[in-house]
Amino acid sequence: VSGEGVFISPFVRPRCLAAAAPAGKAKLTHPGKAILAGGIAGGIEICITFPTEYVKTQLQLDEKANPPKFRGIGDCVKQTVQSHGVRGLYRGLSSLLYGSIPKSAVRFGVFEFLSNYAKDESGRLDSTRGLLCGLGAGVMEAVLVVCPMETVKVKFIHDQTSAKPKYKGFFHGVREIVRAQGLRGTYQGLTATVLKQGSNQAIRFFVMTSLKNWYKGDDPNKHINPLITGVFGAIAGAASVFGNTPLDVIKTRMQGLEAHKYKSTLDCAMKILRYEGLTAFYKGTVPRLGRVCLDVAIVFIIYEEVVKVLNTVWKTE
């Protein structure tokens, strides 16, 4: 008998009780699984998308004052292949690969750690909390991995455009940078990197969380096809590109071989605006858009599928 005097058969379970039953609660992802799955996804993704990252960085470093060496994306690819062969499009891959695995591992590990505490009783993560968890993940990956990794990568790519490249490989390059500039040499543009990565992951996880919640509706454990995950990832990636490309341009300039021209992140932004105009903040947007959409789609697909495999062989509940 209910509190209102209405008889309820013990053989009929009310919808409200069914919704609150443990079986309807979304499963939490153990941070350890997230770290492993994220690392695997990051390593595979960067091997696929690096050429577009190379072209994007070259165009951003190709300042108008030089004058410009490249007339566009196609010309950049053409000149690189003519000078160094197809392998030239993969110059600097080692530095990014060494960093991409821990970067993705930290990102997903921190996100799952934070989201496990932010989810409601049913295991659902709302969009706002998804944004905040993404922001936290982005800041952590920026400080621990992205800033030193990106600094080395940009210096490598910039070095290859000089008449006499001085870096012979990843470890040699890192050793030379630390020897000449100290450990701080690998942390140039930290503020811009934290702003970029923080906003990046905040936007991506906000969009991804919103789309997944919309798709799943009232069933938090509803299966999502990998292709759907890829589409959601591409949309999240596109949103992040249009949201923070100016920060990406500033970060790249602050980490290049001519970073000494800028006193700070703000000074870099002001000089770009003063001498190159507002459009300079969106240099490399097209190649970055293509790379990021593919990047985020691949990472989320691989991550979700690896987690599924880990759930079958690694019991954490």
C-alpha atoms as a PDB file:
ATOM      1  CA  VAL A   1       0.000   0.000   0.000  1.00  0.00           C
ATOM      2  CA  SER A   2       1.401   3.386  -0.922  1.00  0.00           C
ATOM      3  CA  GLY A   3       1.486   6.421   1.390  1.00  0.00           C
ATOM      4  CA  GLU A   4      -1.719   7.684  -0.283  1.00  0.00           C
ATOM      5  CA  GLY A   5      -3.634   4.463   0.456  1.00  0.00           C
ATOM      6  CA  VAL A   6      -3.379   3.077  -3.091  1.00  0.00           C
ATOM      7  CA  PHE A   7      -2.655  -0.667  -3.323  1.00  0.00           C
ATOM      8  CA  ILE A   8       0.407  -1.567  -5.409  1.00  0.00           C
ATOM      9  CA  SER A   9       0.847  -5.162  -6.489  1.00  0.00           C
ATOM     10  CA  PRO A  10       4.237  -6.639  -5.493  1.00  0.00           C
ATOM     11  CA  PHE A  11       4.403  -8.144  -8.998  1.00  0.00           C
ATOM     12  CA  VAL A  12       4.234  -4.768 -10.742  1.00  0.00           C
ATOM     13  CA  ARG A  13       7.236  -2.500 -10.372  1.00  0.00           C
ATOM     14  CA  PRO A  14       6.452   1.216 -10.687  1.00  0.00           C
ATOM     15  CA  ARG A  15       8.378   3.154 -13.342  1.00  0.00           C
ATOM     16  CA  CYS A  16       9.810   5.527 -10.743  1.00  0.00           C
ATOM     17  CA  LEU A  17      11.328   2.630  -8.822  1.00  0.00           C
ATOM     18  CA  ALA A  18      12.651   1.040 -11.993  1.00  0.00           C
ATOM     19  CA  ALA A  19      14.372   4.248 -12.941  1.00  0.00           C
ATOM     20  CA  ALA A  20      16.057   4.402  -9.556  1.00  0.00           C
ATOM     21  CA  ALA A  21      17.149   0.784  -9.600  1.00  0.00           C
ATOM     22  CA  PRO A  22      20.889   0.045  -9.633  1.00  0.00           C
ATOM     23  CA  ALA A  23      20.546  -1.699 -13.000  1.00  0.00           C
ATOM     24  CA  GLY A  24      19.744   1.646 -14.609  1.00  0.00           C
ATOM     25  CA  LYS A  25      22.817   3.404 -13.291  1.00  0.00           C
ATOM     26  CA  ALA A  26      25.543   4.249 -15.819  1.00  0.00           C
ATOM     27  CA  LYS A  27      28.801   2.402 -15.361  1.00  0.00           C
ATOM     28  CA  LEU A  28      31.799   4.436 -14.197  1.00  0.00           C
ATOM     29  CA  THR A  29      35.123   4.175 -16.030  1.00  0.00           C
ATOM     30  CA  HIS A  30      38.127   3.449 -13.811  1.00  0.00           C
ATOM     31  CA  PRO A  31      40.839   6.167 -14.289  1.00  0.00           C
ATOM     32  CA  GLY A  32      43.433   3.414 -14.839  1.00  0.00           C
ATOM     33  CA  LYS A  33      41.484   2.108 -17.825  1.00  0.00           C
ATOM     34  CA  ALA A  34      41.090   5.656 -19.111  1.00  0.00           C
ATOM     35  CA  ILE A  35      44.858   6.269 -18.916  1.00  0.00           C
ATOM     36  CA  LEU A  36      45.672   3.068 -20.822  1.00  0.00           C
ATOM     37  CA  ALA A  37      42.922   3.486 -23.429  1.00  0.00           C
ATOM     38  CA  GLY A  38      43.757   7.174 -23.887  1.00  0.00           C
ATOM     39  CA  GLY A  39      47.446   6.437 -24.454  1.00  0.00           C
ATOM     40  CA  ILE A  40      46.687   3.811 -27.103  1.00  0.00           C
ATOM     41  CA  ALA A  41      44.211   6.101 -28.872  1.00  0.00           C
ATOM     42  CA  GLY A  42      46.639   9.041 -28.851  1.00  0.00           C
ATOM     43  CA  GLY A  43      49.490   7.021 -30.352  1.00  0.00           C
ATOM     44  CA  ILE A  44      47.424   5.659 -33.243  1.00  0.00           C
ATOM     45  CA  GLU A  45      45.767   8.993 -33.989  1.00  0.00           C
ATOM     46  CA  ILE A  46      48.946  11.046 -34.318  1.00  0.00           C
ATOM     47  CA  CYS A  47      50.490   8.609 -36.818  1.00  0.00           C
ATOM     48  CA  ILE A  48      47.440   9.136 -39.048  1.00  0.00           C
ATOM     49  CA  THR A  49      47.049  12.907 -38.812  1.00  0.00           C
ATOM     50  CA  PHE A  50      50.588  14.292 -38.448  1.00  0.00           C
ATOM     51  CA  PRO A  51      51.031  15.617 -42.042  1.00  0.00           C
ATOM     52  CA  THR A  52      48.170  18.100 -41.547  1.00  0.00           C
ATOM     53  CA  GLU A  53      49.731  19.200 -38.239  1.00  0.00           C
ATOM     54  CA  TYR A  54      53.044  19.773 -40.041  1.00  0.00           C
ATOM     55  CA  VAL A  55      51.410  21.917 -42.745  1.00  0.00           C
ATOM     56  CA  LYS A  56      49.419  23.920 -40.154  1.00  0.00           C
ATOM     57  CA  THR A  57      52.542  24.705 -38.148  1.00  0.00           C
ATOM     58  CA  GLN A  58      54.523  25.683 -41.261  1.00  0.00           C
ATOM     59  CA  LEU A  59      51.829  28.137 -42.366  1.00  0.00           C
ATOM     60  CA  GLN A  60      51.611  29.702 -38.904  1.00  0.00           C
ATOM     61  CA  LEU A  61      55.384  30.169 -38.759  1.00  0.00           C
ATOM     62  CA  ASP A  62      55.397  31.631 -42.273  1.00  0.00           C
ATOM     63  CA  GLU A  63      55.018  35.246 -41.164  1.00  0.00           C
ATOM     64  CA  LYS A  64      54.161  38.009 -43.634  1.00  0.00           C
ATOM     65  CA  ALA A  65      57.298  39.946 -42.775  1.00  0.00           C
ATOM     66  CA  ASN A  66      59.554  37.276 -44.257  1.00  0.00           C
ATOM     67  CA  PRO A  67      57.930  37.618 -47.005  1.00  0.00           C
ATOM     68  CA  PRO A  68      55.740  34.476 -47.101  1.00  0.00           C
ATOM     69  CA  LYS A  69      57.469  31.368 -48.395  1.00  0.00           C
ATOM     70  CA  PHE A  70      54.262  29.461 -49.096  1.00  0.00           C
ATOM     71  CA  ARG A  71      51.235  30.536 -51.156  1.00  0.00           C
ATOM     72  CA  GLY A  72      48.888  28.162 -49.395  1.00  0.00           C
ATOM     73  CA  ILE A  73      48.302  24.607 -48.198  1.00  0.00           C
ATOM     74  CA  GLY A  74      48.951  22.963 -51.567  1.00  0.00           C
ATOM     75  CA  ASP A  75      52.126  24.982 -52.161  1.00  0.00           C
ATOM     76  CA  CYS A  76      53.429  24.110 -48.690  1.00  0.00           C
ATOM     77  CA  VAL A  77      52.916  20.382 -49.338  1.00  0.00           C
ATOM     78  CA  LYS A  78      54.447  20.668 -52.821  1.00  0.00           C
ATOM     79  CA  GLN A  79      57.587  22.491 -51.662  1.00  0.00           C
ATOM     80  CA  THR A  80      58.083  20.132 -48.717  1.00  0.00           C
ATOM     81  CA  VAL A  81      57.814  17.005 -50.885  1.00  0.00           C
ATOM     82  CA  GLN A  82      60.105  18.487 -53.561  1.00  0.00           C
ATOM     83  CA  SER A  83      62.754  19.380 -50.986  1.00  0.00           C
ATOM     84  CA  HIS A  84      62.557  16.437 -48.589  1.00  0.00           C
ATOM     85  CA  GLY A  85      60.311  13.821 -50.194  1.00  0.00           C
ATOM     86  CA  VAL A  86      57.083  12.492 -48.676  1.00  0.00           C
ATOM     87  CA  ARG A  87      58.990  11.741 -45.472  1.00  0.00           C
ATOM     88  CA  GLY A  88      59.422  15.499 -45.100  1.00  0.00           C
ATOM     89  CA  LEU A  89      55.755  15.752 -44.098  1.00  0.00           C
ATOM     90  CA  TYR A  90      56.603  13.572 -41.088  1.00  0.00           C
ATOM     91  CA  ARG A  91      59.530  15.653 -39.819  1.00  0.00           C
ATOM     92  CA  GLY A  92      59.061  16.248 -36.112  1.00  0.00           C
ATOM     93  CA  LEU A  93      56.772  13.198 -35.755  1.00  0.00           C
ATOM     94  CA  SER A  94      58.975  11.590 -33.112  1.00  0.00           C
ATOM     95  CA  SER A  95      58.661  14.545 -30.724  1.00  0.00           C
ATOM     96  CA  LEU A  96      54.886  14.618 -31.129  1.00  0.00           C
ATOM     97  CA  LEU A  97      54.511  10.839 -30.874  1.00  0.00           C
ATOM     98  CA  TYR A  98      56.515  10.703 -27.639  1.00  0.00           C
ATOM     99  CA  GLY A  99      54.196  13.353 -26.236  1.00  0.00           C
ATOM    100  CA  SER A 100      50.877  12.324 -27.797  1.00  0.00           C
ATOM    101  CA  ILE A 101      50.634   9.052 -25.885  1.00  0.00           C
ATOM    102  CA  PRO A 102      51.060  10.557 -22.374  1.00  0.00           C
ATOM    103  CA  LYS A 103      49.010  13.633 -23.390  1.00  0.00           C
ATOM    104  CA  SER A 104      45.972  11.584 -24.316  1.00  0.00           C
ATOM    105  CA  ALA A 105      46.511   9.305 -21.315  1.00  0.00           C
ATOM    106  CA  VAL A 106      46.553  12.267 -18.894  1.00  0.00           C
ATOM    107  CA  ARG A 107      43.557  13.900 -20.595  1.00  0.00           C
ATOM    108  CA  PHE A 108      41.227  10.921 -20.379  1.00  0.00           C
ATOM    109  CA  GLY A 109      42.579   9.765 -17.019  1.00  0.00           C
ATOM    110  CA  VAL A 110      41.958  13.154 -15.374  1.00  0.00           C
ATOM    111  CA  PHE A 111      38.595  13.588 -17.123  1.00  0.00           C
ATOM    112  CA  GLU A 112      37.282  10.216 -15.945  1.00  0.00           C
ATOM    113  CA  PHE A 113      38.673  10.806 -12.439  1.00  0.00           C
ATOM    114  CA  LEU A 114      36.882  14.160 -12.159  1.00  0.00           C
ATOM    115  CA  SER A 115      33.691  13.049 -13.907  1.00  0.00           C
ATOM    116  CA  ASN A 116      33.302  10.051 -11.590  1.00  0.00           C
ATOM    117  CA  TYR A 117      32.862  12.557  -8.748  1.00  0.00           C
ATOM    118  CA  ALA A 118      30.739  14.955 -10.810  1.00  0.00           C
ATOM    119  CA  LYS A 119      28.107  12.480 -12.029  1.00  0.00           C
ATOM    120  CA  ASP A 120      24.668  12.368 -10.386  1.00  0.00           C
ATOM    121  CA  GLU A 121      23.058   9.406  -8.617  1.00  0.00           C
ATOM    122  CA  SER A 122      22.139   7.736 -11.917  1.00  0.00           C
ATOM    123  CA  GLY A 123      25.701   8.048 -13.189  1.00  0.00           C
ATOM    124  CA  ARG A 124      24.812  10.820 -15.658  1.00  0.00           C
ATOM    125  CA  LEU A 125      27.204  13.707 -16.329  1.00  0.00           C
ATOM    126  CA  ASP A 126      25.463  16.922 -17.343  1.00  0.00           C
ATOM    127  CA  SER A 127      26.928  19.265 -19.968  1.00  0.00           C
ATOM    128  CA  THR A 128      28.098  21.973 -17.552  1.00  0.00           C
ATOM    129  CA  ARG A 129      29.995  19.515 -15.379  1.00  0.00           C
ATOM    130  CA  GLY A 130      31.367  17.909 -18.527  1.00  0.00           C
ATOM    131  CA  LEU A 131      32.763  21.308 -19.500  1.00  0.00           C
ATOM    132  CA  LEU A 132      34.395  21.785 -16.083  1.00  0.00           C
ATOM    133  CA  CYS A 133      35.885  18.267 -16.083  1.00  0.00           C
ATOM    134  CA  GLY A 134      37.199  18.893 -19.597  1.00  0.00           C
ATOM    135  CA  LEU A 135      38.730  22.180 -18.453  1.00  0.00           C
ATOM    136  CA  GLY A 136      40.514  20.418 -15.589  1.00  0.00           C
ATOM    137  CA  ALA A 137      41.778  17.693 -17.920  1.00  0.00           C
ATOM    138  CA  GLY A 138      43.020  20.278 -20.426  1.00  0.00           C
ATOM    139  CA  VAL A 139      44.930  22.299 -17.836  1.00  0.00           C
ATOM    140  CA  MET A 140      46.619  19.175 -16.434  1.00  0.00           C
ATOM    141  CA  GLU A 141      47.684  17.874 -19.836  1.00  0.00           C
ATOM    142  CA  ALA A 142      49.009  21.323 -20.754  1.00  0.00           C
ATOM    143  CA  VAL A 143      51.251  21.564 -17.686  1.00  0.00           C
ATOM    144  CA  LEU A 144      52.428  17.953 -17.527  1.00  0.00           C
ATOM    145  CA  VAL A 145      52.808  17.100 -21.222  1.00  0.00           C
ATOM    146  CA  VAL A 146      51.630  19.492 -23.927  1.00  0.00           C
ATOM    147  CA  CYS A 147      53.751  22.582 -23.267  1.00  0.00           C
ATOM    148  CA  PRO A 148      57.171  20.862 -23.298  1.00  0.00           C
ATOM    149  CA  MET A 149      56.083  18.534 -26.130  1.00  0.00           C
ATOM    150  CA  GLU A 150      54.717  21.309 -28.348  1.00  0.00           C
ATOM    151  CA  THR A 151      57.733  23.555 -27.705  1.00  0.00           C
ATOM    152  CA  VAL A 152      60.106  20.845 -28.902  1.00  0.00           C
ATOM    153  CA  LYS A 153      57.867  19.991 -31.879  1.00  0.00           C
ATOM    154  CA  VAL A 154      57.605  23.603 -33.073  1.00  0.00           C
ATOM    155  CA  LYS A 155      61.359  24.146 -32.677  1.00  0.00           C
ATOM    156  CA  PHE A 156      62.025  20.957 -34.674  1.00  0.00           C
ATOM    157  CA  ILE A 157      59.744  21.959 -37.545  1.00  0.00           C
ATOM    158  CA  HIS A 158      61.068  25.549 -37.524  1.00  0.00           C
ATOM    159  CA  ASP A 159      64.635  24.250 -37.451  1.00  0.00           C
ATOM    160  CA  GLN A 160      64.044  22.166 -40.599  1.00  0.00           C
ATOM    161  CA  THR A 161      63.151  25.310 -42.563  1.00  0.00           C
ATOM    162  CA  SER A 162      66.554  26.893 -41.851  1.00  0.00           C
ATOM    163  CA  ALA A 163      69.505  26.569 -44.251  1.00  0.00           C
ATOM    164  CA  LYS A 164      71.505  24.413 -41.808  1.00  0.00           C
ATOM    165  CA  PRO A 165      69.269  22.385 -39.454  1.00  0.00           C
ATOM    166  CA  LYS A 166      71.021  21.855 -36.112  1.00  0.00           C
ATOM    167  CA  TYR A 167      68.785  19.192 -34.523  1.00  0.00           C
ATOM    168  CA  LYS A 168      69.684  15.622 -35.524  1.00  0.00           C
ATOM    169  CA  GLY A 169      66.846  13.877 -33.693  1.00  0.00           C
ATOM    170  CA  PHE A 170      64.418  14.054 -30.793  1.00  0.00           C
ATOM    171  CA  PHE A 171      66.791  13.385 -27.915  1.00  0.00           C
ATOM    172  CA  HIS A 172      69.585  15.418 -29.489  1.00  0.00           C
ATOM    173  CA  GLY A 173      67.188  18.314 -29.994  1.00  0.00           C
ATOM    174  CA  VAL A 174      65.900  18.191 -26.414  1.00  0.00           C
ATOM    175  CA  ARG A 175      69.462  18.032 -25.110  1.00  0.00           C
ATOM    176  CA  GLU A 176      70.499  21.055 -27.199  1.00  0.00           C
ATOM    177  CA  ILE A 177      67.434  23.078 -26.156  1.00  0.00           C
ATOM    178  CA  VAL A 178      67.980  22.358 -22.451  1.00  0.00           C
ATOM    179  CA  ARG A 179      71.712  23.047 -22.778  1.00  0.00           C
ATOM    180  CA  ALA A 180      71.139  26.420 -24.451  1.00  0.00           C
ATOM    181  CA  GLN A 181      68.039  27.628 -22.606  1.00  0.00           C
ATOM    182  CA  GLY A 182      67.694  25.431 -19.529  1.00  0.00           C
ATOM    183  CA  LEU A 183      64.535  23.524 -18.602  1.00  0.00           C
ATOM    184  CA  ARG A 184      62.580  26.746 -19.115  1.00  0.00           C
ATOM    185  CA  GLY A 185      63.397  26.393 -22.804  1.00  0.00           C
ATOM    186  CA  THR A 186      60.875  23.570 -23.023  1.00  0.00           C
ATOM    187  CA  TYR A 187      58.197  25.600 -21.240  1.00  0.00           C
ATOM    188  CA  GLN A 188      57.949  28.596 -23.557  1.00  0.00           C
ATOM    189  CA  GLY A 189      54.394  29.817 -24.064  1.00  0.00           C
ATOM    190  CA  LEU A 190      53.043  28.023 -20.972  1.00  0.00           C
ATOM    191  CA  THR A 191      50.266  30.562 -20.377  1.00  0.00           C
ATOM    192  CA  ALA A 192      49.060  30.382 -23.982  1.00  0.00           C
ATOM    193  CA  THR A 193      49.261  26.584 -23.904  1.00  0.00           C
ATOM    194  CA  VAL A 194      47.221  26.317 -20.688  1.00  0.00           C
ATOM    195  CA  LEU A 195      44.607  28.700 -22.121  1.00  0.00           C
ATOM    196  CA  LYS A 196      44.519  26.790 -25.406  1.00  0.00           C
ATOM    197  CA  GLN A 197      44.361  23.269 -23.956  1.00  0.00           C
ATOM    198  CA  GLY A 198      41.994  24.227 -21.169  1.00  0.00           C
ATOM    199  CA  SER A 199      39.507  25.851 -23.552  1.00  0.00           C
ATOM    200  CA  ASN A 200      40.099  23.081 -26.110  1.00  0.00           C
ATOM    201  CA  GLN A 201      39.111  20.227 -23.841  1.00  0.00           C
ATOM    202  CA  ALA A 202      36.374  22.241 -22.125  1.00  0.00           C
ATOM    203  CA  ILE A 203      34.698  22.838 -25.507  1.00  0.00           C
ATOM    204  CA  ARG A 204      35.248  19.275 -26.761  1.00  0.00           C
ATOM    205  CA  PHE A 205      33.997  17.486 -23.670  1.00  0.00           C
ATOM    206  CA  PHE A 206      31.075  19.917 -23.340  1.00  0.00           C
ATOM    207  CA  VAL A 207      29.955  19.189 -26.904  1.00  0.00           C
ATOM    208  CA  MET A 208      30.691  15.460 -26.597  1.00  0.00           C
ATOM    209  CA  THR A 209      28.824  15.162 -23.275  1.00  0.00           C
ATOM    210  CA  SER A 210      25.850  17.134 -24.649  1.00  0.00           C
ATOM    211  CA  LEU A 211      25.589  14.988 -27.792  1.00  0.00           C
ATOM    212  CA  LYS A 212      25.963  11.699 -25.900  1.00  0.00           C
ATOM    213  CA  ASN A 213      23.304  12.715 -23.355  1.00  0.00           C
ATOM    214  CA  TRP A 214      20.959  13.699 -26.191  1.00  0.00           C
ATOM    215  CA  TYR A 215      21.555  10.404 -28.022  1.00  0.00           C
ATOM    216  CA  LYS A 216      21.179   8.176 -24.958  1.00  0.00           C
ATOM    217  CA  GLY A 217      18.072   9.925 -23.655  1.00  0.00           C
ATOM    218  CA  ASP A 218      16.782   8.183 -20.528  1.00  0.00           C
ATOM    219  CA  ASP A 219      19.041   5.140 -20.935  1.00  0.00           C
ATOM    220  CA  PRO A 220      22.563   6.022 -19.643  1.00  0.00           C
ATOM    221  CA  ASN A 221      23.876   2.592 -20.732  1.00  0.00           C
ATOM    222  CA  LYS A 222      22.589   2.795 -24.323  1.00  0.00           C
ATOM    223  CA  HIS A 223      25.169   1.530 -26.822  1.00  0.00           C
ATOM    224  CA  ILE A 224      26.628   4.115 -29.207  1.00  0.00           C
ATOM    225  CA  ASN A 225      27.825   2.907 -32.610  1.00  0.00           C
ATOM    226  CA  PRO A 226      31.506   3.788 -33.279  1.00  0.00           C
ATOM    227  CA  LEU A 227      30.496   5.756 -36.386  1.00  0.00           C
ATOM    228  CA  ILE A 228      28.117   7.875 -34.303  1.00  0.00           C
ATOM    229  CA  THR A 229      30.929   8.424 -31.783  1.00  0.00           C
ATOM    230  CA  GLY A 230      33.155   9.536 -34.669  1.00  0.00           C
ATOM    231  CA  VAL A 231      30.561  12.035 -35.920  1.00  0.00           C
ATOM    232  CA  PHE A 232      30.115  13.444 -32.411  1.00  0.00           C
ATOM    233  CA  GLY A 233      33.903  13.684 -32.058  1.00  0.00           C
ATOM    234  CA  ALA A 234      34.267  15.536 -35.374  1.00  0.00           C
ATOM    235  CA  ILE A 235      31.598  18.054 -34.334  1.00  0.00           C
ATOM    236  CA  ALA A 236      33.339  18.572 -30.975  1.00  0.00           C
ATOM    237  CA  GLY A 237      36.656  19.040 -32.765  1.00  0.00           C
ATOM    238  CA  ALA A 238      35.245  21.618 -35.197  1.00  0.00           C
ATOM    239  CA  ALA A 239      33.714  23.589 -32.324  1.00  0.00           C
ATOM    240  CA  SER A 240      37.085  23.729 -30.546  1.00  0.00           C
ATOM    241  CA  VAL A 241      38.880  24.918 -33.699  1.00  0.00           C
ATOM    242  CA  PHE A 242      36.606  27.893 -34.265  1.00  0.00           C
ATOM    243  CA  GLY A 243      36.655  28.611 -30.543  1.00  0.00           C
ATOM    244  CA  ASN A 244      40.387  28.864 -29.955  1.00  0.00           C
ATOM    245  CA  THR A 245      42.452  29.059 -33.161  1.00  0.00           C
ATOM    246  CA  PRO A 246      43.786  32.532 -32.147  1.00  0.00           C
ATOM    247  CA  LEU A 247      45.255  30.966 -28.979  1.00  0.00           C
ATOM    248  CA  ASP A 248      46.811  28.215 -31.092  1.00  0.00           C
ATOM    249  CA  VAL A 249      48.502  30.810 -33.340  1.00  0.00           C
ATOM    250  CA  ILE A 250      49.867  32.742 -30.341  1.00  0.00           C
ATOM    251  CA  LYS A 251      51.087  29.506 -28.710  1.00  0.00           C
ATOM    252  CA  THR A 252      52.915  28.477 -31.900  1.00  0.00           C
ATOM    253  CA  ARG A 253      54.657  31.853 -32.195  1.00  0.00           C
ATOM    254  CA  MET A 254      55.674  31.782 -28.513  1.00  0.00           C
ATOM    255  CA  GLN A 255      57.271  28.359 -28.971  1.00  0.00           C
ATOM    256  CA  GLY A 256      59.085  28.996 -32.276  1.00  0.00           C
ATOM    257  CA  LEU A 257      62.784  29.716 -32.691  1.00  0.00           C
ATOM    258  CA  GLU A 258      62.012  33.461 -32.827  1.00  0.00           C
ATOM    259  CA  ALA A 259      60.066  33.453 -29.550  1.00  0.00           C
ATOM    260  CA  HIS A 260      62.617  35.925 -28.157  1.00  0.00           C
ATOM    261  CA  LYS A 261      60.872  38.684 -30.147  1.00  0.00           C
ATOM    262  CA  TYR A 262      57.956  38.554 -27.713  1.00  0.00           C
ATOM    263  CA  LYS A 263      58.082  39.655 -24.079  1.00  0.00           C
ATOM    264  CA  SER A 264      54.927  37.773 -23.067  1.00  0.00           C
ATOM    265  CA  THR A 265      51.794  36.090 -24.373  1.00  0.00           C
ATOM    266  CA  LEU A 266      49.978  39.447 -24.405  1.00  0.00           C
ATOM    267  CA  ASP A 267      52.889  41.142 -26.186  1.00  0.00           C
ATOM    268  CA  CYS A 268      52.835  38.392 -28.824  1.00  0.00           C
ATOM    269  CA  ALA A 269      49.100  38.882 -29.407  1.00  0.00           C
ATOM    270  CA  MET A 270      49.469  42.678 -29.666  1.00  0.00           C
ATOM    271  CA  LYS A 271      52.355  42.469 -32.154  1.00  0.00           C
ATOM    272  CA  ILE A 272      50.495  40.008 -34.364  1.00  0.00           C
ATOM    273  CA  LEU A 273      47.449  42.302 -34.357  1.00  0.00           C
ATOM    274  CA  ARG A 274      49.526  45.436 -34.978  1.00  0.00           C
ATOM    275  CA  TYR A 275      51.804  44.173 -37.755  1.00  0.00           C
ATOM    276  CA  GLU A 276      49.766  41.413 -39.421  1.00  0.00           C
ATOM    277  CA  GLY A 277      46.139  42.247 -38.760  1.00  0.00           C
ATOM    278  CA  LEU A 278      43.220  40.331 -37.275  1.00  0.00           C
ATOM    279  CA  THR A 279      43.213  37.683 -40.024  1.00  0.00           C
ATOM    280  CA  ALA A 280      46.666  36.486 -38.892  1.00  0.00           C
ATOM    281  CA  PHE A 281      45.030  34.960 -35.819  1.00  0.00           C
ATOM    282  CA  TYR A 282      43.271  32.494 -38.105  1.00  0.00           C
ATOM    283  CA  LYS A 283      46.255  31.409 -40.190  1.00  0.00           C
ATOM    284  CA  GLY A 284      46.263  27.660 -40.673  1.00  0.00           C
ATOM    285  CA  THR A 285      42.575  27.314 -39.759  1.00  0.00           C
ATOM    286  CA  VAL A 286      41.656  25.119 -42.746  1.00  0.00           C
ATOM    287  CA  PRO A 287      44.417  22.514 -42.282  1.00  0.00           C
ATOM    288  CA  ARG A 288      43.837  22.631 -38.517  1.00  0.00           C
ATOM    289  CA  LEU A 289      40.100  22.100 -39.002  1.00  0.00           C
ATOM    290  CA  GLY A 290      40.687  19.016 -41.122  1.00  0.00           C
ATOM    291  CA  ARG A 291      43.274  17.615 -38.728  1.00  0.00           C
ATOM    292  CA  VAL A 292      41.369  18.297 -35.506  1.00  0.00           C
ATOM    293  CA  CYS A 293      38.038  16.906 -36.742  1.00  0.00           C
ATOM    294  CA  LEU A 294      39.784  13.712 -37.863  1.00  0.00           C
ATOM    295  CA  ASP A 295      41.941  13.715 -34.728  1.00  0.00           C
ATOM    296  CA  VAL A 296      39.093  14.000 -32.222  1.00  0.00           C
ATOM    297  CA  ALA A 297      36.877  11.552 -34.122  1.00  0.00           C
ATOM    298  CA  ILE A 298      39.638   8.909 -34.233  1.00  0.00           C
ATOM    299  CA  VAL A 299      40.654   9.403 -30.604  1.00  0.00           C
ATOM    300  CA  PHE A 300      37.121   9.085 -29.231  1.00  0.00           C
ATOM    301  CA  ILE A 301      36.336   6.034 -31.385  1.00  0.00           C
ATOM    302  CA  ILE A 302      39.514   4.194 -30.387  1.00  0.00           C
ATOM    303  CA  TYR A 303      39.196   5.274 -26.745  1.00  0.00           C
ATOM    304  CA  GLU A 304      35.610   4.028 -26.394  1.00  0.00           C
ATOM    305  CA  GLU A 305      36.385   0.724 -28.125  1.00  0.00           C
ATOM    306  CA  VAL A 306      39.535   0.072 -26.071  1.00  0.00           C
ATOM    307  CA  VAL A 307      37.602   0.788 -22.850  1.00  0.00           C
ATOM    308  CA  LYS A 308      35.012  -1.813 -23.908  1.00  0.00           C
ATOM    309  CA  VAL A 309      37.773  -4.394 -24.379  1.00  0.00           C
ATOM    310  CA  LEU A 310      39.380  -3.473 -21.051  1.00  0.00           C
ATOM    311  CA  ASN A 311      36.023  -3.841 -19.281  1.00  0.00           C
ATOM    312  CA  THR A 312      35.934  -7.499 -20.337  1.00  0.00           C
ATOM    313  CA  VAL A 313      39.462  -8.346 -19.162  1.00  0.00           C
ATOM    314  CA  TRP A 314      39.971  -5.864 -16.293  1.00  0.00           C
ATOM    315  CA  LYS A 315      37.255  -6.042 -13.653  1.00  0.00           C
ATOM    316  CA  THR A 316      37.263  -2.998 -11.371  1.00  0.00           C
ATOM    317  CA  GLU A 317      33.786  -3.140  -9.835  1.00  0.00           C
END
